[in-house]
C-alpha atoms as a PDB file:
ATOM      1  CA  UNK A   1      83.230  92.570 102.705  1.00  0.00           C
ATOM      2  CA  UNK A   2      85.183  94.047  99.790  1.00  0.00           C
ATOM      3  CA  UNK A   3      88.137  95.850  99.601  1.00  0.00           C
ATOM      4  CA  UNK A   4      88.380  99.094 100.295  1.00  0.00           C
ATOM      5  CA  UNK A   5      92.045 101.350  99.835  1.00  0.00           C
ATOM      6  CA  UNK A   6      91.375 103.645 102.641  1.00  0.00           C
ATOM      7  CA  UNK A   7      94.767 105.734 103.187  1.00  0.00           C
ATOM      8  CA  UNK A   8      96.984 104.656 106.336  1.00  0.00           C
ATOM      9  CA  UNK A   9      99.087 107.401 107.995  1.00  0.00           C
ATOM     10  CA  UNK A  10     102.315 105.254 108.174  1.00  0.00           C
ATOM     11  CA  UNK A  11     102.375 105.342 104.238  1.00  0.00           C
ATOM     12  CA  UNK A  12     101.950 109.359 104.454  1.00  0.00           C
ATOM     13  CA  UNK A  13     105.802 110.957 103.812  1.00  0.00           C
ATOM     14  CA  UNK A  14     105.273 113.272 106.458  1.00  0.00           C
ATOM     15  CA  UNK A  15     104.012 111.216 109.216  1.00  0.00           C
ATOM     16  CA  UNK A  16     106.614 111.302 111.800  1.00  0.00           C
ATOM     17  CA  UNK A  17     109.542 108.432 111.415  1.00  0.00           C
ATOM     18  CA  UNK A  18     109.196 107.990 115.065  1.00  0.00           C
ATOM     19  CA  UNK A  19     105.808 107.213 115.630  1.00  0.00           C
ATOM     20  CA  UNK A  20     105.912 104.786 112.033  1.00  0.00           C
ATOM     21  CA  UNK A  21     108.990 102.955 114.226  1.00  0.00           C
ATOM     22  CA  UNK A  22     105.987 102.834 116.847  1.00  0.00           C
ATOM     23  CA  UNK A  23     103.816 100.981 114.429  1.00  0.00           C
ATOM     24  CA  UNK A  24     106.247  98.866 112.792  1.00  0.00           C
ATOM     25  CA  UNK A  25     108.051  97.640 116.040  1.00  0.00           C
ATOM     26  CA  UNK A  26     104.610  96.950 117.620  1.00  0.00           C
ATOM     27  CA  UNK A  27     103.870  94.885 114.596  1.00  0.00           C
ATOM     28  CA  UNK A  28     107.026  92.632 115.042  1.00  0.00           C
ATOM     29  CA  UNK A  29     106.323  92.478 118.118  1.00  0.00           C
ATOM     30  CA  UNK A  30     102.950  90.463 117.985  1.00  0.00           C
ATOM     31  CA  UNK A  31     104.455  88.476 114.957  1.00  0.00           C
ATOM     32  CA  UNK A  32     106.975  87.212 117.406  1.00  0.00           C
ATOM     33  CA  UNK A  33     104.856  87.138 120.491  1.00  0.00           C
ATOM     34  CA  UNK A  34     102.013  85.068 118.213  1.00  0.00           C
ATOM     35  CA  UNK A  35     104.138  82.613 116.305  1.00  0.00           C
ATOM     36  CA  UNK A  36     102.522  83.888 112.947  1.00  0.00           C
ATOM     37  CA  UNK A  37     105.224  82.604 111.242  1.00  0.00           C
ATOM     38  CA  UNK A  38     105.117  79.250 111.623  1.00  0.00           C
ATOM     39  CA  UNK A  39     101.942  79.308 109.309  1.00  0.00           C
ATOM     40  CA  UNK A  40     103.721  81.014 106.322  1.00  0.00           C
ATOM     41  CA  UNK A  41     107.085  78.842 106.151  1.00  0.00           C
ATOM     42  CA  UNK A  42     105.573  76.032 104.183  1.00  0.00           C
ATOM     43  CA  UNK A  43     104.592  78.389 101.724  1.00  0.00           C
ATOM     44  CA  UNK A  44     108.125  80.347 101.542  1.00  0.00           C
ATOM     45  CA  UNK A  45     110.040  76.716 101.691  1.00  0.00           C
ATOM     46  CA  UNK A  46     108.052  75.894  98.021  1.00  0.00           C
ATOM     47  CA  UNK A  47     109.598  79.214  97.077  1.00  0.00           C
ATOM     48  CA  UNK A  48     113.170  78.232  98.246  1.00  0.00           C
ATOM     49  CA  UNK A  49     112.710  74.925  96.408  1.00  0.00           C
ATOM     50  CA  UNK A  50     112.621  76.900  92.991  1.00  0.00           C
ATOM     51  CA  UNK A  51     116.108  78.400  93.529  1.00  0.00           C
ATOM     52  CA  UNK A  52     119.683  77.450  94.718  1.00  0.00           C
ATOM     53  CA  UNK A  53     119.899  80.579  96.364  1.00  0.00           C
ATOM     54  CA  UNK A  54     119.386  80.483 100.130  1.00  0.00           C
ATOM     55  CA  UNK A  55     119.378  84.608 100.172  1.00  0.00           C
ATOM     56  CA  UNK A  56     116.098  86.125 101.292  1.00  0.00           C
ATOM     57  CA  UNK A  57     115.217  89.647  99.862  1.00  0.00           C
ATOM     58  CA  UNK A  58     112.756  91.055 102.294  1.00  0.00           C
ATOM     59  CA  UNK A  59     111.059  93.922 100.532  1.00  0.00           C
ATOM     60  CA  UNK A  60     108.762  96.399 103.085  1.00  0.00           C
ATOM     61  CA  UNK A  61     110.765  94.912 106.029  1.00  0.00           C
ATOM     62  CA  UNK A  62     109.464  97.807 108.552  1.00  0.00           C
ATOM     63  CA  UNK A  63     111.342  97.049 111.819  1.00  0.00           C
ATOM     64  CA  UNK A  64     112.553  93.372 110.736  1.00  0.00           C
ATOM     65  CA  UNK A  65     110.670  91.385 113.033  1.00  0.00           C
ATOM     66  CA  UNK A  66     109.495  89.084 110.062  1.00  0.00           C
ATOM     67  CA  UNK A  67     112.448  88.917 109.113  1.00  0.00           C
ATOM     68  CA  UNK A  68     113.883  87.726 112.399  1.00  0.00           C
ATOM     69  CA  UNK A  69     111.791  85.043 112.911  1.00  0.00           C
ATOM     70  CA  UNK A  70     112.292  83.444 109.166  1.00  0.00           C
ATOM     71  CA  UNK A  71     115.599  82.445 110.274  1.00  0.00           C
ATOM     72  CA  UNK A  72     114.419  79.742 113.351  1.00  0.00           C
ATOM     73  CA  UNK A  73     111.230  79.214 111.332  1.00  0.00           C
ATOM     74  CA  UNK A  74     112.833  78.209 107.875  1.00  0.00           C
ATOM     75  CA  UNK A  75     115.654  76.152 109.634  1.00  0.00           C
ATOM     76  CA  UNK A  76     112.846  74.171 111.425  1.00  0.00           C
ATOM     77  CA  UNK A  77     111.775  73.233 108.069  1.00  0.00           C
ATOM     78  CA  UNK A  78     115.142  72.159 106.924  1.00  0.00           C
ATOM     79  CA  UNK A  79     116.318  75.659 104.833  1.00  0.00           C
ATOM     80  CA  UNK A  80     119.164  77.573 106.238  1.00  0.00           C
ATOM     81  CA  UNK A  81     118.883  81.234 104.975  1.00  0.00           C
ATOM     82  CA  UNK A  82     120.037  84.696 105.227  1.00  0.00           C
ATOM     83  CA  UNK A  83     117.766  87.362 105.177  1.00  0.00           C
ATOM     84  CA  UNK A  84     118.498  90.907 103.588  1.00  0.00           C
ATOM     85  CA  UNK A  85     115.979  93.619 104.950  1.00  0.00           C
ATOM     86  CA  UNK A  86     115.124  96.424 102.610  1.00  0.00           C
ATOM     87  CA  UNK A  87     112.050  98.818 102.917  1.00  0.00           C
ATOM     88  CA  UNK A  88     111.213 102.410 101.356  1.00  0.00           C
ATOM     89  CA  UNK A  89     111.888 104.220 104.532  1.00  0.00           C
ATOM     90  CA  UNK A  90     114.613 102.074 106.487  1.00  0.00           C
ATOM     91  CA  UNK A  91     113.922 101.929 110.003  1.00  0.00           C
ATOM     92  CA  UNK A  92     117.640 101.688 110.703  1.00  0.00           C
ATOM     93  CA  UNK A  93     117.888 101.691 114.258  1.00  0.00           C
ATOM     94  CA  UNK A  94     115.568  98.858 114.516  1.00  0.00           C
ATOM     95  CA  UNK A  95     117.442  96.806 111.244  1.00  0.00           C
ATOM     96  CA  UNK A  96     120.594  96.938 113.015  1.00  0.00           C
ATOM     97  CA  UNK A  97     119.191  96.081 116.448  1.00  0.00           C
ATOM     98  CA  UNK A  98     117.726  92.826 114.187  1.00  0.00           C
ATOM     99  CA  UNK A  99     120.672  92.241 112.640  1.00  0.00           C
ATOM    100  CA  UNK A 100     122.504  92.360 115.445  1.00  0.00           C
ATOM    101  CA  UNK A 101     120.692  89.783 116.888  1.00  0.00           C
ATOM    102  CA  UNK A 102     120.838  87.559 114.495  1.00  0.00           C
ATOM    103  CA  UNK A 103     123.817  85.905 114.630  1.00  0.00           C
ATOM    104  CA  UNK A 104     125.312  87.040 111.260  1.00  0.00           C
ATOM    105  CA  UNK A 105     121.807  85.705 109.175  1.00  0.00           C
ATOM    106  CA  UNK A 106     120.036  88.838 108.750  1.00  0.00           C
ATOM    107  CA  UNK A 107     121.448  92.473 107.195  1.00  0.00           C
ATOM    108  CA  UNK A 108     119.527  95.706 105.947  1.00  0.00           C
ATOM    109  CA  UNK A 109     119.925  97.662 103.191  1.00  0.00           C
ATOM    110  CA  UNK A 110     120.336 101.333 104.289  1.00  0.00           C
ATOM    111  CA  UNK A 111     119.336 103.008 100.892  1.00  0.00           C
ATOM    112  CA  UNK A 112     115.633 103.210 100.203  1.00  0.00           C
ATOM    113  CA  UNK A 113     114.271 100.281  97.941  1.00  0.00           C
ATOM    114  CA  UNK A 114     111.446 100.584  95.853  1.00  0.00           C
ATOM    115  CA  UNK A 115     109.399  97.294  95.400  1.00  0.00           C
ATOM    116  CA  UNK A 116     108.138  97.858  92.389  1.00  0.00           C
ATOM    117  CA  UNK A 117     111.852  98.857  91.180  1.00  0.00           C
ATOM    118  CA  UNK A 118     114.238  96.347  92.839  1.00  0.00           C
ATOM    119  CA  UNK A 119     117.872  96.733  92.227  1.00  0.00           C
ATOM    120  CA  UNK A 120     119.205  94.556  90.228  1.00  0.00           C
ATOM    121  CA  UNK A 121     121.953  93.396  92.562  1.00  0.00           C
ATOM    122  CA  UNK A 122     119.956  92.133  95.218  1.00  0.00           C
ATOM    123  CA  UNK A 123     119.316  88.863  94.390  1.00  0.00           C
ATOM    124  CA  UNK A 124     117.461  86.330  96.305  1.00  0.00           C
ATOM    125  CA  UNK A 125     113.846  85.166  97.177  1.00  0.00           C
ATOM    126  CA  UNK A 126     111.884  88.267  97.560  1.00  0.00           C
ATOM    127  CA  UNK A 127     109.616  88.236 100.437  1.00  0.00           C
ATOM    128  CA  UNK A 128     106.742  90.466 101.662  1.00  0.00           C
ATOM    129  CA  UNK A 129     105.401  90.404 104.695  1.00  0.00           C
ATOM    130  CA  UNK A 130     102.067  92.316 106.067  1.00  0.00           C
ATOM    131  CA  UNK A 131     102.847  94.924 103.128  1.00  0.00           C
ATOM    132  CA  UNK A 132     101.389  94.032  99.910  1.00  0.00           C
ATOM    133  CA  UNK A 133      97.924  95.702 101.104  1.00  0.00           C
ATOM    134  CA  UNK A 134      99.442  99.199 101.473  1.00  0.00           C
ATOM    135  CA  UNK A 135      99.703  99.193  97.447  1.00  0.00           C
ATOM    136  CA  UNK A 136      96.819  99.800  95.235  1.00  0.00           C
ATOM    137  CA  UNK A 137      96.057  96.923  92.506  1.00  0.00           C
ATOM    138  CA  UNK A 138      98.434  99.007  89.855  1.00  0.00           C
ATOM    139  CA  UNK A 139     101.287  99.076  92.239  1.00  0.00           C
ATOM    140  CA  UNK A 140     100.732  96.125  93.244  1.00  0.00           C
ATOM    141  CA  UNK A 141     100.841  94.353  89.742  1.00  0.00           C
ATOM    142  CA  UNK A 142     104.038  96.194  89.158  1.00  0.00           C
ATOM    143  CA  UNK A 143     105.769  94.522  92.289  1.00  0.00           C
ATOM    144  CA  UNK A 144     104.481  91.340  90.767  1.00  0.00           C
ATOM    145  CA  UNK A 145     105.966  92.227  87.052  1.00  0.00           C
ATOM    146  CA  UNK A 146     109.309  93.365  88.599  1.00  0.00           C
ATOM    147  CA  UNK A 147     109.976  89.956  90.311  1.00  0.00           C
ATOM    148  CA  UNK A 148     109.183  88.330  87.201  1.00  0.00           C
ATOM    149  CA  UNK A 149     111.221  90.606  84.776  1.00  0.00           C
ATOM    150  CA  UNK A 150     113.962  89.718  87.220  1.00  0.00           C
ATOM    151  CA  UNK A 151     113.641  85.629  87.312  1.00  0.00           C
ATOM    152  CA  UNK A 152     113.379  85.936  91.256  1.00  0.00           C
ATOM    153  CA  UNK A 153     110.821  83.909  93.056  1.00  0.00           C
ATOM    154  CA  UNK A 154     108.468  85.980  95.274  1.00  0.00           C
ATOM    155  CA  UNK A 155     106.483  84.671  98.169  1.00  0.00           C
ATOM    156  CA  UNK A 156     103.885  87.384  99.934  1.00  0.00           C
ATOM    157  CA  UNK A 157     101.922  87.271 102.844  1.00  0.00           C
ATOM    158  CA  UNK A 158      99.268  88.863 104.979  1.00  0.00           C
ATOM    159  CA  UNK A 159      98.708  88.059 108.644  1.00  0.00           C
ATOM    160  CA  UNK A 160      94.768  89.897 109.057  1.00  0.00           C
ATOM    161  CA  UNK A 161      91.793  89.709 106.686  1.00  0.00           C
ATOM    162  CA  UNK A 162      88.797  91.708 105.956  1.00  0.00           C
ATOM    163  CA  UNK A 163      86.484  89.301 108.010  1.00  0.00           C
ATOM    164  CA  UNK A 164      84.648  91.043 110.482  1.00  0.00           C
ATOM    165  CA  UNK A 165      85.841  89.516 113.143  1.00  0.00           C
ATOM    166  CA  UNK A 166      89.508  90.540 112.336  1.00  0.00           C
ATOM    167  CA  UNK A 167      88.115  94.264 111.586  1.00  0.00           C
ATOM    168  CA  UNK A 168      86.461  93.869 115.227  1.00  0.00           C
ATOM    169  CA  UNK A 169      89.235  92.601 116.801  1.00  0.00           C
ATOM    170  CA  UNK A 170      91.349  95.755 116.031  1.00  0.00           C
ATOM    171  CA  UNK A 171      88.917  97.852 118.737  1.00  0.00           C
ATOM    172  CA  UNK A 172      90.986  96.410 121.056  1.00  0.00           C
ATOM    173  CA  UNK A 173      94.504  97.031 119.886  1.00  0.00           C
ATOM    174  CA  UNK A 174      94.709 100.579 122.480  1.00  0.00           C
ATOM    175  CA  UNK A 175      95.570  97.933 125.022  1.00  0.00           C
ATOM    176  CA  UNK A 176      97.271  95.624 123.431  1.00  0.00           C
ATOM    177  CA  UNK A 177      99.720  98.518 122.343  1.00  0.00           C
ATOM    178  CA  UNK A 178      99.973  99.980 125.913  1.00  0.00           C
ATOM    179  CA  UNK A 179     101.132  96.648 127.030  1.00  0.00           C
ATOM    180  CA  UNK A 180     103.681  95.522 124.346  1.00  0.00           C
ATOM    181  CA  UNK A 181     105.130  98.749 123.423  1.00  0.00           C
ATOM    182  CA  UNK A 182     107.374  98.821 126.308  1.00  0.00           C
ATOM    183  CA  UNK A 183     109.224  95.781 125.145  1.00  0.00           C
ATOM    184  CA  UNK A 184     109.654  97.014 121.683  1.00  0.00           C
ATOM    185  CA  UNK A 185     113.590  96.979 120.828  1.00  0.00           C
ATOM    186  CA  UNK A 186     114.936  99.540 120.139  1.00  0.00           C
ATOM    187  CA  UNK A 187     112.660 101.788 122.474  1.00  0.00           C
ATOM    188  CA  UNK A 188     112.295 105.576 121.665  1.00  0.00           C
ATOM    189  CA  UNK A 189     111.257 107.375 125.001  1.00  0.00           C
ATOM    190  CA  UNK A 190     109.010 110.018 122.830  1.00  0.00           C
ATOM    191  CA  UNK A 191     106.730 107.086 123.010  1.00  0.00           C
ATOM    192  CA  UNK A 192     105.979 107.228 126.066  1.00  0.00           C
ATOM    193  CA  UNK A 193     104.018 110.301 126.545  1.00  0.00           C
ATOM    194  CA  UNK A 194     102.255 110.174 122.690  1.00  0.00           C
ATOM    195  CA  UNK A 195     100.665 106.414 124.302  1.00  0.00           C
ATOM    196  CA  UNK A 196     100.085 106.775 128.082  1.00  0.00           C
ATOM    197  CA  UNK A 197      99.649 110.817 128.513  1.00  0.00           C
ATOM    198  CA  UNK A 198      97.909 111.828 125.202  1.00  0.00           C
ATOM    199  CA  UNK A 199      97.053 108.495 122.810  1.00  0.00           C
ATOM    200  CA  UNK A 200      98.070 109.151 119.737  1.00  0.00           C
ATOM    201  CA  UNK A 201     100.545 106.130 118.984  1.00  0.00           C
ATOM    202  CA  UNK A 202      97.342 103.843 120.073  1.00  0.00           C
ATOM    203  CA  UNK A 203      95.042 105.779 117.713  1.00  0.00           C
ATOM    204  CA  UNK A 204      97.631 105.938 114.883  1.00  0.00           C
ATOM    205  CA  UNK A 205      97.786 102.065 115.309  1.00  0.00           C
ATOM    206  CA  UNK A 206      94.101 101.250 115.858  1.00  0.00           C
ATOM    207  CA  UNK A 207      93.161 103.217 112.478  1.00  0.00           C
ATOM    208  CA  UNK A 208      96.120 101.912 110.313  1.00  0.00           C
ATOM    209  CA  UNK A 209      94.978  98.552 111.756  1.00  0.00           C
ATOM    210  CA  UNK A 210      91.275  98.558 110.746  1.00  0.00           C
ATOM    211  CA  UNK A 211      92.421 100.068 107.340  1.00  0.00           C
ATOM    212  CA  UNK A 212      95.105  97.275 106.740  1.00  0.00           C
ATOM    213  CA  UNK A 213      92.460  94.906 107.512  1.00  0.00           C
ATOM    214  CA  UNK A 214      89.924  96.206 104.665  1.00  0.00           C
ATOM    215  CA  UNK A 215      92.872  96.718 102.531  1.00  0.00           C
ATOM    216  CA  UNK A 216      94.023  92.870 102.190  1.00  0.00           C
ATOM    217  CA  UNK A 217      93.799  91.236  98.858  1.00  0.00           C
ATOM    218  CA  UNK A 218      91.873  87.619  98.734  1.00  0.00           C
ATOM    219  CA  UNK A 219      92.630  85.111  96.714  1.00  0.00           C
ATOM    220  CA  UNK A 220      90.235  85.633  93.651  1.00  0.00           C
ATOM    221  CA  UNK A 221      91.957  89.338  93.814  1.00  0.00           C
ATOM    222  CA  UNK A 222      95.346  88.296  93.519  1.00  0.00           C
ATOM    223  CA  UNK A 223      94.593  85.856  90.662  1.00  0.00           C
ATOM    224  CA  UNK A 224      93.386  89.029  88.923  1.00  0.00           C
ATOM    225  CA  UNK A 225      96.681  90.912  89.877  1.00  0.00           C
ATOM    226  CA  UNK A 226      98.931  87.633  88.376  1.00  0.00           C
ATOM    227  CA  UNK A 227      96.651  87.202  85.209  1.00  0.00           C
ATOM    228  CA  UNK A 228      98.850  87.319  82.572  1.00  0.00           C
ATOM    229  CA  UNK A 229     102.415  86.653  84.171  1.00  0.00           C
ATOM    230  CA  UNK A 230     102.580  83.574  82.333  1.00  0.00           C
ATOM    231  CA  UNK A 231     106.264  82.653  82.672  1.00  0.00           C
ATOM    232  CA  UNK A 232     105.114  82.109  86.449  1.00  0.00           C
ATOM    233  CA  UNK A 233     103.549  79.731  88.172  1.00  0.00           C
ATOM    234  CA  UNK A 234     101.445  81.649  90.811  1.00  0.00           C
ATOM    235  CA  UNK A 235      99.451  79.587  93.961  1.00  0.00           C
ATOM    236  CA  UNK A 236      97.667  81.639  96.397  1.00  0.00           C
ATOM    237  CA  UNK A 237      94.884  80.821  98.667  1.00  0.00           C
ATOM    238  CA  UNK A 238      94.378  81.153 102.808  1.00  0.00           C
ATOM    239  CA  UNK A 239      96.234  79.256 105.515  1.00  0.00           C
ATOM    240  CA  UNK A 240      95.495  79.207 109.202  1.00  0.00           C
ATOM    241  CA  UNK A 241      97.134  81.404 111.591  1.00  0.00           C
ATOM    242  CA  UNK A 242      98.585  79.354 114.612  1.00  0.00           C
ATOM    243  CA  UNK A 243      96.669  80.140 117.777  1.00  0.00           C
ATOM    244  CA  UNK A 244      94.190  82.472 116.517  1.00  0.00           C
ATOM    245  CA  UNK A 245      90.559  81.480 114.909  1.00  0.00           C
ATOM    246  CA  UNK A 246      91.538  84.177 111.882  1.00  0.00           C
ATOM    247  CA  UNK A 247      93.295  83.270 108.347  1.00  0.00           C
ATOM    248  CA  UNK A 248      96.215  84.621 106.513  1.00  0.00           C
ATOM    249  CA  UNK A 249      96.648  84.914 102.613  1.00  0.00           C
ATOM    250  CA  UNK A 250      99.862  84.055 100.620  1.00  0.00           C
ATOM    251  CA  UNK A 251     100.647  84.265  97.183  1.00  0.00           C
ATOM    252  CA  UNK A 252     103.841  82.344  95.868  1.00  0.00           C
ATOM    253  CA  UNK A 253     105.340  83.251  92.446  1.00  0.00           C
ATOM    254  CA  UNK A 254     107.999  80.967  90.976  1.00  0.00           C
ATOM    255  CA  UNK A 255     109.710  81.009  87.081  1.00  0.00           C
ATOM    256  CA  UNK A 256     108.158  78.303  84.989  1.00  0.00           C
ATOM    257  CA  UNK A 257     110.258  75.546  84.613  1.00  0.00           C
ATOM    258  CA  UNK A 258     112.333  76.223  87.109  1.00  0.00           C
END
């Protein structure tokens, strides 16, 4: 199935923030419940081995779910880390909640951060979870170029795919959203009527989920995006998702000779 870059609602500046927060909160809860982070941990460990820093700068953090799960997953792999969450549209309430639950291991940058132009003071291994597909190839390339200019390792992970079974699975999301959304924290009471009376939130999450699948970059496309960035070693491929028949995609870039 060819990559298709349709529009996602949550990417639109006009999209209501409280609905975007429902989507990112739902994704965070799903990642937590399914244990997907354990599949990514070995590849993130590889990036950490190329730096003395134990600071993670998480880009496109959403509600901070993957960030909160990175800390225990990497501790099991033998790496003690601290995570700084950043986003172009920071979900301050959710990120504060994540930070408060982390025993001081997770913090967040309250100002917007553009993944193509990360402020130089934000030093550490850069990560992107479930968000690289949001970017058109020219923008995705600029994200990689910015990491290479900064000399910072970067590790990118996607937990969905373009395979037909993954796309078809998105059609069951309305039931999953209705079951899981009440457990998302912090909870917005405005979500209730738009989930259970007029199901706009489930419809938005289904649409964005389908589009996310179709936007995923596969390893051959990641190879094209990294072509010519020769000061870095690039590793990309697929990995097994725990408890699922599906596979995720990873891209890890480390400074050559580091």
